[in-house]
Amino acid sequence: MKTIEDLQVAGRRVFVRADLNVPLADGTITDDGRIRAVVPTLKKLVEAGARVVVASHLGRPKGAPEPRYSLAPVAERLGELLGAPVAFATDTVGDSARATVAGLADGQVALLENLRFNAGETSKDEAERGAFAERLADLADVYVGDGFGAVHRKHASVHDLPARLPHAAGGLIATEVGVLEKLTENVSRPYAVVLGGAKVSDKLGVIEHLLTRADRILIGGGMAYTFLKAQGHEVGDSLLQEDQVPTVREYLRRADELGVEFVLPVDVVAAKEFPDLTTKAPADPVVVPADAIPAGQQGLDIGPETQARYAARLADAATVFWNGPMGVFEHPDFAAGTRAVAQALVDSPAFTVVGGGDSAAAVRLLGFEESAFGHISTGGGASLEYLEGKTLPGLAALED
């Protein structure tokens, strides 16, 4: 895979596919981690005299403009981080995009409007997707892929566009791939994996893959209740994927057979209702045994005994991968479990990787320094699919 050092970029239009899919609240960016992650690549291109055309998606618009998903606030923040104005095109391949790119001088940066405002970006029809990629290619001379959070998508700007231009990986993607290789090749042991989040179905592939690679797997979040149910425990009104119970039961059996330690909650923090994340009003939490969650109560975090148990199982690890919060970390009554896991990684001498998505958001929301971890990924879904052993379309496009 080539890097930007292998490209001639001075005076050329360089299309950078970034992942600027940041959370917004009333037009205000609440977590700019993904913007900051691509800045080093952009600065390198700027300093080399490139005319930089940045593109990204944001949210899930349905192939047409939706003001709430505009990248305009991102252009402003990107300019602040770069220390120079970023021109903003109000469309993707239309008059504004062409004029904005044509107006760039060497060392200047422009940002196109949300790629998903055009149906061709995410189309499953090869011809429609290819036609959009052709129009994007008209805006550039060179392609740099640096949106790791999107490389598992077969989208026009990720998969089809690189084939139409000289291409290379940006610094962010090169770093992400290097980190993930440390989790899959010659791994330092013990290798511990912490998986959380809402649905066990989202993690089945990675669990399947890790059963023959990890030494221990710690489970939290909403997905834990399907595991507890598979062990025969009552889970009250907790989140449960009943249809996945047989699959989970088989994973537990195989783990035992392979000598992989599955660590499940022994207590949980529960409440009668899901908390209000807007007002953060007290939710009357109670700590109950994980094998006896009362009817009418739902587990919303791992309990204090489980927190201590998980910290102990991470303390002697040499490699730790964490993807998914332990509970509803956005509410103070149910954030302790996620905080405990984060603190255990900070305290550990292990090579620690936070696998993007909600885990990365939690680390920042809970006030941890990003530098305290070995690596914080910008792509939760992409990280998981890489660890599953899948071919990622965006990476494959950069390799040929």
Protein backbone atom coordinates (compact mmCIF):
# COMPACT_ATOMS: atom_id res chain seq x y z
CA MET A 1 0.00 0.00 0.00
CA LYS A 2 1.50 3.32 -1.10
CA THR A 3 1.59 6.33 1.23
CA ILE A 4 1.43 10.02 0.41
CA GLU A 5 5.25 10.10 0.40
CA ASP A 6 5.04 8.04 -2.81
CA LEU A 7 2.92 10.65 -4.60
CA GLN A 8 3.80 13.87 -6.39
CA VAL A 9 1.34 16.38 -4.91
CA ALA A 10 2.84 19.86 -5.37
CA GLY A 11 0.47 22.02 -7.41
CA ARG A 12 -1.92 19.09 -7.89
CA ARG A 13 -5.51 18.66 -6.75
CA VAL A 14 -5.45 15.95 -4.07
CA PHE A 15 -8.78 14.38 -3.15
CA VAL A 16 -8.70 13.27 0.49
CA ARG A 17 -11.49 10.91 1.53
CA ALA A 18 -11.70 11.59 5.26
CA ASP A 19 -14.11 10.41 7.92
CA LEU A 20 -15.58 13.58 9.40
CA ASN A 21 -18.74 11.88 10.62
CA VAL A 22 -18.83 13.74 13.92
CA PRO A 23 -21.76 14.00 16.36
CA LEU A 24 -23.75 17.22 16.13
CA ALA A 25 -26.25 18.77 18.55
CA ASP A 26 -28.21 21.69 17.08
CA GLY A 27 -25.43 22.30 14.58
CA THR A 28 -22.68 22.20 17.22
CA ILE A 29 -19.94 19.56 17.10
CA THR A 30 -19.90 17.66 20.40
CA ASP A 31 -16.82 15.52 19.70
CA ASP A 32 -14.22 16.62 17.14
CA GLY A 33 -11.96 13.58 17.51
CA ARG A 34 -12.39 12.44 13.92
CA ILE A 35 -11.61 15.90 12.58
CA ARG A 36 -8.43 16.14 14.64
CA ALA A 37 -7.38 12.68 13.48
CA VAL A 38 -7.08 13.69 9.80
CA VAL A 39 -5.34 17.04 10.44
CA PRO A 40 -1.77 15.63 10.31
CA THR A 41 -2.36 14.23 6.81
CA LEU A 42 -3.90 17.49 5.62
CA LYS A 43 -1.05 19.55 7.06
CA LYS A 44 1.50 17.35 5.32
CA LEU A 45 -0.26 17.85 1.99
CA VAL A 46 -0.62 21.59 2.54
CA GLU A 47 3.06 21.92 3.38
CA ALA A 48 3.90 19.99 0.21
CA GLY A 49 1.99 22.53 -1.88
CA ALA A 50 -1.05 20.41 -2.75
CA ARG A 51 -4.48 21.82 -3.52
CA VAL A 52 -6.45 19.74 -1.05
CA VAL A 53 -10.06 18.69 -1.69
CA VAL A 54 -11.52 17.02 1.41
CA ALA A 55 -14.67 14.91 1.25
CA SER A 56 -16.67 12.93 3.79
CA HIS A 57 -20.09 11.71 4.77
CA LEU A 58 -21.99 12.72 7.89
CA GLY A 59 -24.97 10.84 9.28
CA ARG A 60 -27.34 8.85 7.10
CA PRO A 61 -29.11 11.18 4.66
CA LYS A 62 -31.09 9.36 1.98
CA GLY A 63 -29.24 10.47 -1.15
CA ALA A 64 -30.51 14.06 -1.07
CA PRO A 65 -29.57 17.23 0.85
CA GLU A 66 -30.71 17.41 4.48
CA PRO A 67 -29.62 20.60 6.29
CA ARG A 68 -29.12 18.83 9.63
CA TYR A 69 -26.38 16.71 8.03
CA SER A 70 -24.48 19.58 6.42
CA LEU A 71 -20.70 19.59 6.82
CA ALA A 72 -20.62 23.39 7.13
CA PRO A 73 -19.83 23.28 10.89
CA VAL A 74 -17.05 20.81 10.15
CA ALA A 75 -15.47 23.18 7.60
CA GLU A 76 -15.33 25.88 10.26
CA ARG A 77 -13.76 23.59 12.87
CA LEU A 78 -11.31 22.17 10.35
CA GLY A 79 -10.16 25.69 9.51
CA GLU A 80 -9.57 26.39 13.20
CA LEU A 81 -7.46 23.25 13.57
CA LEU A 82 -5.46 23.96 10.40
CA GLY A 83 -4.99 27.62 11.28
CA ALA A 84 -6.27 28.76 7.87
CA PRO A 85 -9.72 29.16 6.28
CA VAL A 86 -11.23 26.10 4.61
CA ALA A 87 -13.35 26.88 1.56
CA PHE A 88 -16.71 25.12 1.65
CA ALA A 89 -18.57 23.84 -1.40
CA THR A 90 -22.32 23.70 -0.92
CA ASP A 91 -22.67 20.64 -3.14
CA THR A 92 -20.61 17.54 -3.97
CA VAL A 93 -19.98 17.59 -7.74
CA GLY A 94 -22.06 20.57 -8.90
CA ASP A 95 -21.31 24.19 -9.75
CA SER A 96 -20.21 25.09 -6.23
CA ALA A 97 -17.81 22.14 -5.98
CA ARG A 98 -16.21 22.88 -9.35
CA ALA A 99 -15.86 26.58 -8.63
CA THR A 100 -14.51 26.02 -5.13
CA VAL A 101 -11.88 23.54 -6.32
CA ALA A 102 -10.93 25.75 -9.28
CA GLY A 103 -10.37 28.63 -6.85
CA LEU A 104 -7.80 26.77 -4.76
CA ALA A 105 -4.18 27.92 -4.76
CA ASP A 106 -1.26 25.70 -3.78
CA GLY A 107 -1.43 24.87 -0.06
CA GLN A 108 -5.13 25.68 0.29
CA VAL A 109 -7.93 23.38 1.46
CA ALA A 110 -11.58 22.98 0.46
CA LEU A 111 -14.29 20.76 1.90
CA LEU A 112 -17.12 19.38 -0.23
CA GLU A 113 -20.65 19.05 1.10
CA ASN A 114 -21.81 15.71 2.49
CA LEU A 115 -21.11 12.96 -0.06
CA ARG A 116 -24.27 11.12 0.93
CA PHE A 117 -26.36 14.03 -0.37
CA ASN A 118 -25.80 12.27 -3.71
CA ALA A 119 -27.47 8.87 -4.12
CA GLY A 120 -24.54 7.61 -6.18
CA GLU A 121 -22.27 7.54 -3.13
CA THR A 122 -23.98 4.61 -1.41
CA SER A 123 -25.78 3.02 -4.37
CA LYS A 124 -25.63 -0.75 -4.72
CA ASP A 125 -25.86 -0.26 -8.48
CA GLU A 126 -22.31 -0.40 -9.87
CA ALA A 127 -23.11 1.92 -12.79
CA GLU A 128 -24.71 4.60 -10.63
CA ARG A 129 -21.91 4.45 -8.11
CA GLY A 130 -19.30 4.52 -10.88
CA ALA A 131 -20.91 7.54 -12.52
CA PHE A 132 -20.68 9.48 -9.25
CA ALA A 133 -17.06 8.38 -8.83
CA GLU A 134 -16.30 9.71 -12.35
CA ARG A 135 -17.68 13.13 -11.42
CA LEU A 136 -15.63 13.16 -8.22
CA ALA A 137 -12.54 12.17 -10.21
CA ASP A 138 -13.01 15.25 -12.39
CA LEU A 139 -12.29 17.37 -9.30
CA ALA A 140 -8.86 15.86 -8.62
CA ASP A 141 -5.55 14.59 -9.96
CA VAL A 142 -4.61 12.32 -7.05
CA TYR A 143 -6.55 10.33 -4.40
CA VAL A 144 -5.60 9.86 -0.76
CA GLY A 145 -7.71 7.52 1.37
CA ASP A 146 -7.66 8.58 5.01
CA GLY A 147 -11.20 7.86 6.22
CA PHE A 148 -10.60 4.67 8.15
CA GLY A 149 -14.10 4.73 9.65
CA ALA A 150 -15.54 4.22 6.14
CA VAL A 151 -13.16 1.65 4.61
CA HIS A 152 -15.56 -1.22 5.30
CA ARG A 153 -18.15 0.43 3.00
CA LYS A 154 -18.31 -0.27 -0.74
CA HIS A 155 -19.12 3.36 -1.51
CA ALA A 156 -18.17 5.46 -4.52
CA SER A 157 -15.65 7.71 -2.77
CA VAL A 158 -14.12 4.80 -0.85
CA HIS A 159 -14.07 1.91 -3.33
CA ASP A 160 -14.66 3.19 -6.88
CA LEU A 161 -12.81 6.51 -6.93
CA PRO A 162 -9.29 5.20 -6.11
CA ALA A 163 -9.36 3.07 -9.28
CA ARG A 164 -9.76 6.23 -11.33
CA LEU A 165 -6.82 8.19 -9.93
CA PRO A 166 -3.25 7.61 -8.71
CA HIS A 167 -3.84 6.69 -5.08
CA ALA A 168 -2.25 6.14 -1.69
CA ALA A 169 -3.12 5.79 1.97
CA GLY A 170 -2.99 8.76 4.28
CA GLY A 171 -1.20 8.75 7.61
CA LEU A 172 -4.31 7.90 9.61
CA ILE A 173 -5.13 4.76 7.62
CA ALA A 174 -1.48 3.67 7.69
CA THR A 175 -1.47 4.03 11.47
CA GLU A 176 -4.80 2.21 11.92
CA VAL A 177 -3.71 -0.73 9.79
CA GLY A 178 -0.41 -0.95 11.65
CA VAL A 179 -2.21 -1.07 14.99
CA LEU A 180 -4.68 -3.71 13.85
CA GLU A 181 -1.85 -5.87 12.56
CA LYS A 182 -0.52 -5.89 16.14
CA LEU A 183 -3.88 -7.35 17.19
CA THR A 184 -3.84 -10.10 14.57
CA GLU A 185 -0.19 -11.04 13.93
CA ASN A 186 2.37 -12.06 16.57
CA VAL A 187 0.17 -10.75 19.38
CA SER A 188 1.81 -10.19 22.77
CA ARG A 189 0.05 -12.32 25.38
CA PRO A 190 -2.05 -12.53 27.47
CA TYR A 191 -4.43 -11.01 24.91
CA ALA A 192 -7.64 -9.67 26.49
CA VAL A 193 -10.65 -8.39 24.56
CA VAL A 194 -13.42 -6.29 26.11
CA LEU A 195 -16.67 -6.20 24.15
CA GLY A 196 -19.72 -4.13 25.01
CA GLY A 197 -22.44 -2.18 23.31
CA ALA A 198 -26.12 -2.84 22.86
CA LYS A 199 -26.52 -5.85 20.54
CA VAL A 200 -24.65 -9.12 20.60
CA SER A 201 -25.59 -9.59 16.93
CA ASP A 202 -23.25 -6.72 16.05
CA LYS A 203 -20.32 -8.59 17.57
CA LEU A 204 -20.95 -12.20 16.48
CA GLY A 205 -18.38 -12.11 13.70
CA VAL A 206 -15.59 -10.73 15.85
CA ILE A 207 -16.38 -13.14 18.69
CA GLU A 208 -16.22 -16.05 16.24
CA HIS A 209 -12.84 -14.85 14.98
CA LEU A 210 -11.41 -14.15 18.44
CA LEU A 211 -12.33 -17.52 19.93
CA THR A 212 -9.15 -18.96 18.43
CA ARG A 213 -7.00 -15.87 19.06
CA ALA A 214 -7.81 -14.21 22.39
CA ASP A 215 -6.91 -15.55 25.82
CA ARG A 216 -9.87 -13.95 27.56
CA ILE A 217 -12.99 -12.11 26.47
CA LEU A 218 -14.81 -9.76 28.86
CA ILE A 219 -18.44 -8.97 28.08
CA GLY A 220 -20.47 -5.91 29.14
CA GLY A 221 -23.12 -3.54 27.87
CA GLY A 222 -26.54 -4.56 26.63
CA MET A 223 -25.11 -7.61 24.89
CA ALA A 224 -24.16 -9.13 28.27
CA TYR A 225 -27.80 -9.98 29.03
CA THR A 226 -28.04 -12.35 26.08
CA PHE A 227 -24.97 -14.15 27.48
CA LEU A 228 -26.51 -14.28 30.95
CA LYS A 229 -29.73 -15.64 29.46
CA ALA A 230 -27.71 -18.28 27.63
CA GLN A 231 -26.38 -19.38 31.03
CA GLY A 232 -29.96 -19.84 32.20
CA HIS A 233 -30.30 -16.64 34.25
CA GLU A 234 -33.31 -14.33 34.38
CA VAL A 235 -32.53 -10.87 33.05
CA GLY A 236 -35.73 -8.99 33.95
CA ASP A 237 -36.51 -6.26 31.42
CA SER A 238 -32.90 -5.96 30.25
CA LEU A 239 -32.04 -5.72 26.58
CA LEU A 240 -32.19 -9.25 25.19
CA GLN A 241 -31.78 -10.80 21.76
CA GLU A 242 -33.64 -14.03 22.36
CA ASP A 243 -32.92 -15.33 18.86
CA GLN A 244 -29.17 -15.16 19.55
CA VAL A 245 -29.26 -17.22 22.75
CA PRO A 246 -28.47 -20.56 21.01
CA THR A 247 -25.52 -18.99 19.15
CA VAL A 248 -24.16 -17.42 22.33
CA ARG A 249 -24.56 -20.68 24.22
CA GLU A 250 -22.49 -22.41 21.53
CA TYR A 251 -19.79 -19.72 21.80
CA LEU A 252 -19.59 -20.30 25.55
CA ARG A 253 -19.26 -24.04 24.98
CA ARG A 254 -16.53 -23.60 22.37
CA ALA A 255 -14.64 -21.10 24.54
CA ASP A 256 -14.57 -23.63 27.34
CA GLU A 257 -13.37 -26.31 24.94
CA LEU A 258 -10.60 -24.03 23.57
CA GLY A 259 -9.51 -22.74 26.96
CA VAL A 260 -10.60 -19.16 26.25
CA GLU A 261 -11.82 -17.45 29.40
CA PHE A 262 -15.22 -15.77 29.00
CA VAL A 263 -15.73 -13.23 31.80
CA LEU A 264 -19.34 -12.16 32.38
CA PRO A 265 -20.89 -9.73 34.88
CA VAL A 266 -21.53 -10.98 38.40
CA ASP A 267 -23.55 -7.89 39.35
CA VAL A 268 -25.25 -5.11 37.44
CA VAL A 269 -26.60 -1.62 38.04
CA ALA A 270 -30.30 -1.69 37.20
CA ALA A 271 -33.29 0.66 37.07
CA LYS A 272 -36.98 0.40 36.29
CA GLU A 273 -36.76 2.71 33.29
CA PHE A 274 -34.16 3.73 30.75
CA PRO A 275 -32.65 7.05 31.95
CA ASP A 276 -33.34 10.44 30.42
CA LEU A 277 -30.12 11.31 28.60
CA THR A 278 -31.22 14.88 27.95
CA THR A 279 -31.89 16.04 31.50
CA LYS A 280 -29.62 13.45 33.17
CA ALA A 281 -32.22 13.26 35.94
CA PRO A 282 -31.47 10.70 38.72
CA ALA A 283 -32.64 7.22 37.70
CA ASP A 284 -32.87 5.47 41.11
CA PRO A 285 -30.29 2.80 40.28
CA VAL A 286 -29.91 -0.38 42.31
CA VAL A 287 -27.12 -2.97 42.31
CA VAL A 288 -28.40 -6.53 41.87
CA PRO A 289 -26.78 -9.93 41.22
CA ALA A 290 -26.33 -10.60 37.52
CA ASP A 291 -27.99 -14.00 37.89
CA ALA A 292 -31.08 -12.60 39.63
CA ILE A 293 -32.20 -9.39 37.93
CA PRO A 294 -35.74 -8.78 39.21
CA ALA A 295 -38.73 -8.55 36.92
CA GLY A 296 -39.44 -4.92 36.12
CA GLN A 297 -35.75 -3.96 36.35
CA GLN A 298 -33.31 -3.61 33.48
CA GLY A 299 -29.54 -3.82 33.70
CA LEU A 300 -27.87 -0.60 32.51
CA ASP A 301 -24.27 -1.00 33.65
CA ILE A 302 -21.90 -3.55 35.15
CA GLY A 303 -21.84 -3.42 38.96
CA PRO A 304 -18.97 -2.60 41.34
CA GLU A 305 -17.93 -6.23 41.92
CA THR A 306 -17.79 -6.80 38.17
CA GLN A 307 -15.80 -3.60 37.70
CA ALA A 308 -13.17 -4.84 40.15
CA ARG A 309 -13.17 -8.30 38.55
CA TYR A 310 -12.67 -6.87 35.05
CA ALA A 311 -9.89 -4.55 36.21
CA ALA A 312 -8.11 -7.55 37.72
CA ARG A 313 -8.45 -9.58 34.50
CA LEU A 314 -6.93 -6.69 32.52
CA ALA A 315 -4.10 -5.89 34.93
CA ASP A 316 -1.75 -8.64 33.71
CA ALA A 317 -2.65 -8.46 30.01
CA ALA A 318 0.01 -7.62 27.44
CA THR A 319 -2.48 -6.65 24.72
CA VAL A 320 -6.01 -5.28 25.19
CA PHE A 321 -8.63 -4.46 22.56
CA TRP A 322 -11.79 -2.71 23.78
CA ASN A 323 -14.88 -2.08 21.69
CA GLY A 324 -18.21 -1.05 23.21
CA PRO A 325 -19.20 0.63 26.48
CA MET A 326 -20.16 -1.33 29.59
CA GLY A 327 -23.40 0.55 30.10
CA VAL A 328 -25.30 3.75 29.40
CA PHE A 329 -22.18 5.84 29.93
CA GLU A 330 -23.92 9.05 28.82
CA HIS A 331 -25.81 9.10 32.15
CA PRO A 332 -23.83 9.58 35.38
CA ASP A 333 -25.75 6.83 37.20
CA PHE A 334 -24.57 4.23 34.67
CA ALA A 335 -21.11 5.45 33.64
CA ALA A 336 -19.02 3.80 36.36
CA GLY A 337 -18.53 0.51 34.53
CA THR A 338 -17.23 2.13 31.36
CA ARG A 339 -15.04 4.45 33.44
CA ALA A 340 -13.62 1.46 35.33
CA VAL A 341 -12.64 -0.33 32.13
CA ALA A 342 -11.07 2.83 30.71
CA GLN A 343 -9.13 3.36 33.94
CA ALA A 344 -7.96 -0.25 33.89
CA LEU A 345 -6.54 0.28 30.40
CA VAL A 346 -4.86 3.51 31.51
CA ASP A 347 -3.30 1.72 34.48
CA SER A 348 -2.18 -1.28 32.42
CA PRO A 349 1.33 -1.60 30.94
CA ALA A 350 -0.31 -3.45 28.02
CA PHE A 351 -0.57 -2.25 24.44
CA THR A 352 -4.14 -0.91 24.62
CA VAL A 353 -6.44 -0.22 21.69
CA VAL A 354 -9.81 1.52 22.00
CA GLY A 355 -11.82 0.33 19.02
CA GLY A 356 -13.55 3.52 17.96
CA GLY A 357 -17.28 4.30 17.95
CA ASP A 358 -18.97 4.69 21.33
CA SER A 359 -15.86 3.50 23.16
CA ALA A 360 -13.81 6.39 21.80
CA ALA A 361 -16.65 8.82 22.52
CA ALA A 362 -16.88 7.50 26.08
CA VAL A 363 -13.16 7.96 26.69
CA ARG A 364 -13.42 11.61 25.72
CA LEU A 365 -16.75 12.24 27.48
CA LEU A 366 -15.44 10.76 30.72
CA GLY A 367 -12.41 13.00 30.64
CA PHE A 368 -9.56 10.60 29.88
CA GLU A 369 -6.48 11.82 28.04
CA GLU A 370 -6.26 10.11 24.66
CA SER A 371 -2.49 9.84 25.05
CA ALA A 372 -3.03 7.50 28.01
CA PHE A 373 -4.06 4.72 25.60
CA GLY A 374 -1.90 2.94 23.06
CA HIS A 375 -4.30 3.85 20.26
CA ILE A 376 -7.84 5.16 19.88
CA SER A 377 -9.33 4.06 16.58
CA THR A 378 -11.48 6.33 14.43
CA GLY A 379 -13.50 3.43 13.05
CA GLY A 380 -15.49 1.09 15.26
CA GLY A 381 -17.19 -0.92 12.54
CA ALA A 382 -14.08 -0.98 10.36
CA SER A 383 -11.94 -2.17 13.27
CA LEU A 384 -14.35 -5.01 14.04
CA GLU A 385 -14.57 -6.16 10.43
CA TYR A 386 -10.77 -6.12 10.13
CA LEU A 387 -10.52 -8.29 13.25
CA GLU A 388 -13.13 -10.62 11.76
CA GLY A 389 -10.72 -11.21 8.88
CA LYS A 390 -12.96 -9.58 6.29
CA THR A 391 -11.68 -7.83 3.18
CA LEU A 392 -12.39 -4.12 3.57
CA PRO A 393 -13.29 -2.52 0.23
CA GLY A 394 -11.57 0.78 1.00
CA LEU A 395 -8.30 -0.89 1.95
CA ALA A 396 -8.40 -3.28 -0.99
CA ALA A 397 -8.84 -0.30 -3.33
CA LEU A 398 -5.68 1.30 -1.96
CA GLU A 399 -3.58 -1.86 -2.22
CA ASP A 400 -3.69 -2.44 -5.96
